[in-house]
Amino acid sequence: MRIAISIGLLVFLVAVGVYAYEGLAVDAPVPTYGIVMFTIGIAVLATVCVGLMGLLFYSSRRGYDEPPHVKR
């Protein structure tokens, strides 16, 4: 089931990318440096998102998200 959902989402992502590349940029051509900068920006954003999610799971599994225990 998860594989079918993943494949469906990837197909949807490719379809949106094709639509954006062919349908929206007809009247305004983007120079090569613009595409390179856009790609670098997406890569940096994805890296930051993956890193933050990793830190979230790490802190949750190590117990750093638990409230402090007060000894009385």
N, C-alpha and C. Protein backbone atom coordinates (compact mmCIF):
# COMPACT_ATOMS: atom_id res chain seq x y z
N MET A 1 0.83 -1.19 0.00
CA MET A 1 0.00 0.00 0.00
C MET A 1 0.87 1.26 0.00
N ARG A 2 1.95 1.25 0.79
CA ARG A 2 2.81 2.43 0.87
C ARG A 2 3.52 2.67 -0.46
N ILE A 3 3.89 1.60 -1.11
CA ILE A 3 4.57 1.74 -2.40
C ILE A 3 3.63 2.36 -3.42
N ALA A 4 2.37 1.93 -3.42
CA ALA A 4 1.39 2.49 -4.36
C ALA A 4 1.18 3.98 -4.11
N ILE A 5 1.11 4.37 -2.85
CA ILE A 5 0.95 5.79 -2.51
C ILE A 5 2.19 6.58 -2.93
N SER A 6 3.37 6.01 -2.67
CA SER A 6 4.61 6.70 -3.05
C SER A 6 4.71 6.87 -4.56
N ILE A 7 4.37 5.83 -5.29
CA ILE A 7 4.41 5.92 -6.76
C ILE A 7 3.40 6.95 -7.25
N GLY A 8 2.21 6.95 -6.67
CA GLY A 8 1.19 7.93 -7.06
C GLY A 8 1.63 9.35 -6.80
N LEU A 9 2.26 9.58 -5.66
CA LEU A 9 2.74 10.93 -5.34
C LEU A 9 3.89 11.34 -6.26
N LEU A 10 4.77 10.41 -6.60
CA LEU A 10 5.85 10.72 -7.53
C LEU A 10 5.33 11.05 -8.92
N VAL A 11 4.32 10.30 -9.37
CA VAL A 11 3.71 10.59 -10.67
C VAL A 11 3.07 11.97 -10.65
N PHE A 12 2.40 12.29 -9.56
CA PHE A 12 1.78 13.62 -9.42
C PHE A 12 2.84 14.71 -9.43
N LEU A 13 3.96 14.49 -8.74
CA LEU A 13 5.04 15.46 -8.72
C LEU A 13 5.63 15.67 -10.11
N VAL A 14 5.83 14.61 -10.85
CA VAL A 14 6.35 14.73 -12.21
C VAL A 14 5.35 15.47 -13.10
N ALA A 15 4.07 15.16 -12.96
CA ALA A 15 3.06 15.84 -13.76
C ALA A 15 3.03 17.34 -13.47
N VAL A 16 3.13 17.71 -12.23
CA VAL A 16 3.15 19.13 -11.86
C VAL A 16 4.41 19.79 -12.41
N GLY A 17 5.54 19.09 -12.33
CA GLY A 17 6.78 19.64 -12.87
C GLY A 17 6.71 19.84 -14.38
N VAL A 18 6.16 18.88 -15.09
CA VAL A 18 6.01 19.02 -16.54
C VAL A 18 5.07 20.17 -16.87
N TYR A 19 3.98 20.27 -16.15
CA TYR A 19 3.04 21.38 -16.38
C TYR A 19 3.71 22.73 -16.12
N ALA A 20 4.45 22.82 -15.03
CA ALA A 20 5.11 24.08 -14.70
C ALA A 20 6.17 24.42 -15.74
N TYR A 21 6.90 23.42 -16.21
CA TYR A 21 7.98 23.67 -17.17
C TYR A 21 7.43 24.05 -18.53
N GLU A 22 6.40 23.37 -18.98
CA GLU A 22 5.88 23.61 -20.33
C GLU A 22 4.75 24.64 -20.37
N GLY A 23 3.91 24.65 -19.37
CA GLY A 23 2.71 25.48 -19.44
C GLY A 23 2.87 26.89 -18.91
N LEU A 24 3.68 27.06 -17.91
CA LEU A 24 3.76 28.36 -17.27
C LEU A 24 4.90 29.23 -17.78
N ALA A 25 5.94 28.64 -18.35
CA ALA A 25 7.10 29.41 -18.76
C ALA A 25 7.14 29.65 -20.26
N VAL A 26 6.00 29.66 -20.92
CA VAL A 26 5.97 29.83 -22.37
C VAL A 26 6.32 31.27 -22.75
N ASP A 27 5.76 32.23 -22.06
CA ASP A 27 5.95 33.63 -22.43
C ASP A 27 7.21 34.25 -21.82
N ALA A 28 7.74 33.66 -20.77
CA ALA A 28 8.88 34.26 -20.08
C ALA A 28 10.00 33.22 -19.97
N PRO A 29 10.91 33.24 -20.90
CA PRO A 29 12.01 32.27 -20.81
C PRO A 29 12.94 32.59 -19.63
N VAL A 30 13.37 31.56 -18.94
CA VAL A 30 14.24 31.72 -17.79
C VAL A 30 15.67 31.45 -18.24
N PRO A 31 16.59 32.36 -17.92
CA PRO A 31 17.98 32.11 -18.29
C PRO A 31 18.56 30.92 -17.53
N THR A 32 19.65 30.40 -18.03
CA THR A 32 20.26 29.21 -17.44
C THR A 32 20.66 29.44 -15.99
N TYR A 33 21.22 30.61 -15.67
CA TYR A 33 21.62 30.86 -14.29
C TYR A 33 20.42 30.88 -13.36
N GLY A 34 19.26 31.28 -13.86
CA GLY A 34 18.04 31.27 -13.05
C GLY A 34 17.63 29.86 -12.69
N ILE A 35 17.71 28.96 -13.66
CA ILE A 35 17.36 27.57 -13.40
C ILE A 35 18.37 26.95 -12.43
N VAL A 36 19.66 27.28 -12.61
CA VAL A 36 20.68 26.74 -11.70
C VAL A 36 20.45 27.25 -10.28
N MET A 37 20.18 28.52 -10.11
CA MET A 37 19.95 29.08 -8.78
C MET A 37 18.68 28.50 -8.14
N PHE A 38 17.65 28.32 -8.93
CA PHE A 38 16.41 27.73 -8.44
C PHE A 38 16.65 26.30 -7.97
N THR A 39 17.42 25.54 -8.73
CA THR A 39 17.73 24.16 -8.37
C THR A 39 18.57 24.11 -7.09
N ILE A 40 19.55 24.99 -6.97
CA ILE A 40 20.36 25.04 -5.75
C ILE A 40 19.49 25.41 -4.56
N GLY A 41 18.59 26.34 -4.73
CA GLY A 41 17.69 26.73 -3.64
C GLY A 41 16.81 25.58 -3.19
N ILE A 42 16.29 24.82 -4.12
CA ILE A 42 15.45 23.67 -3.77
C ILE A 42 16.28 22.62 -3.05
N ALA A 43 17.51 22.38 -3.51
CA ALA A 43 18.37 21.39 -2.86
C ALA A 43 18.71 21.81 -1.43
N VAL A 44 19.00 23.08 -1.21
CA VAL A 44 19.31 23.58 0.14
C VAL A 44 18.08 23.47 1.02
N LEU A 45 16.92 23.84 0.50
CA LEU A 45 15.69 23.74 1.27
C LEU A 45 15.39 22.30 1.66
N ALA A 46 15.54 21.38 0.73
CA ALA A 46 15.30 19.97 1.03
C ALA A 46 16.28 19.46 2.08
N THR A 47 17.55 19.86 1.98
CA THR A 47 18.55 19.44 2.96
C THR A 47 18.22 19.96 4.35
N VAL A 48 17.81 21.20 4.46
CA VAL A 48 17.45 21.78 5.75
C VAL A 48 16.23 21.05 6.32
N CYS A 49 15.24 20.78 5.48
CA CYS A 49 14.03 20.09 5.95
C CYS A 49 14.36 18.69 6.45
N VAL A 50 15.18 17.95 5.72
CA VAL A 50 15.57 16.60 6.13
C VAL A 50 16.36 16.67 7.43
N GLY A 51 17.26 17.63 7.55
CA GLY A 51 18.04 17.77 8.77
C GLY A 51 17.17 18.10 9.98
N LEU A 52 16.22 19.00 9.82
CA LEU A 52 15.35 19.34 10.94
C LEU A 52 14.45 18.18 11.34
N MET A 53 13.95 17.43 10.37
CA MET A 53 13.14 16.26 10.70
C MET A 53 13.99 15.21 11.41
N GLY A 54 15.24 15.06 10.99
CA GLY A 54 16.13 14.13 11.67
C GLY A 54 16.37 14.53 13.11
N LEU A 55 16.59 15.81 13.34
CA LEU A 55 16.76 16.29 14.71
C LEU A 55 15.50 16.09 15.55
N LEU A 56 14.35 16.27 14.93
CA LEU A 56 13.08 16.06 15.63
C LEU A 56 12.95 14.61 16.09
N PHE A 57 13.22 13.66 15.19
CA PHE A 57 13.13 12.25 15.56
C PHE A 57 14.21 11.88 16.57
N TYR A 58 15.40 12.41 16.42
CA TYR A 58 16.49 12.13 17.35
C TYR A 58 16.13 12.58 18.76
N SER A 59 15.65 13.82 18.88
CA SER A 59 15.33 14.33 20.21
C SER A 59 14.14 13.60 20.82
N SER A 60 13.21 13.18 19.99
CA SER A 60 12.05 12.46 20.50
C SER A 60 12.45 11.07 21.00
N ARG A 61 13.31 10.38 20.28
CA ARG A 61 13.71 9.03 20.67
C ARG A 61 14.68 9.02 21.85
N ARG A 62 15.44 10.07 22.02
CA ARG A 62 16.39 10.14 23.13
C ARG A 62 15.77 10.69 24.41
N GLY A 63 14.51 11.15 24.34
CA GLY A 63 13.83 11.63 25.54
C GLY A 63 14.06 13.09 25.85
N TYR A 64 14.62 13.83 24.91
CA TYR A 64 14.88 15.25 25.16
C TYR A 64 13.59 16.08 25.16
N ASP A 65 12.51 15.52 24.66
CA ASP A 65 11.25 16.26 24.59
C ASP A 65 10.39 16.07 25.85
N GLU A 66 10.84 15.22 26.74
CA GLU A 66 10.08 14.95 27.96
C GLU A 66 10.25 16.12 28.93
N PRO A 67 9.23 16.38 29.78
CA PRO A 67 9.39 17.44 30.77
C PRO A 67 10.43 17.02 31.82
N PRO A 68 11.08 17.98 32.42
CA PRO A 68 12.10 17.63 33.44
C PRO A 68 11.45 17.02 34.68
N HIS A 69 12.16 16.09 35.30
CA HIS A 69 11.67 15.46 36.52
C HIS A 69 12.23 16.23 37.72
N VAL A 70 11.33 16.69 38.57
CA VAL A 70 11.74 17.48 39.73
C VAL A 70 11.74 16.55 40.95
N LYS A 71 12.86 16.47 41.64
CA LYS A 71 12.95 15.64 42.86
C LYS A 71 12.58 16.49 44.05
N ARG A 72 11.72 15.96 44.89
CA ARG A 72 11.30 16.71 46.09
C ARG A 72 11.73 16.01 47.33
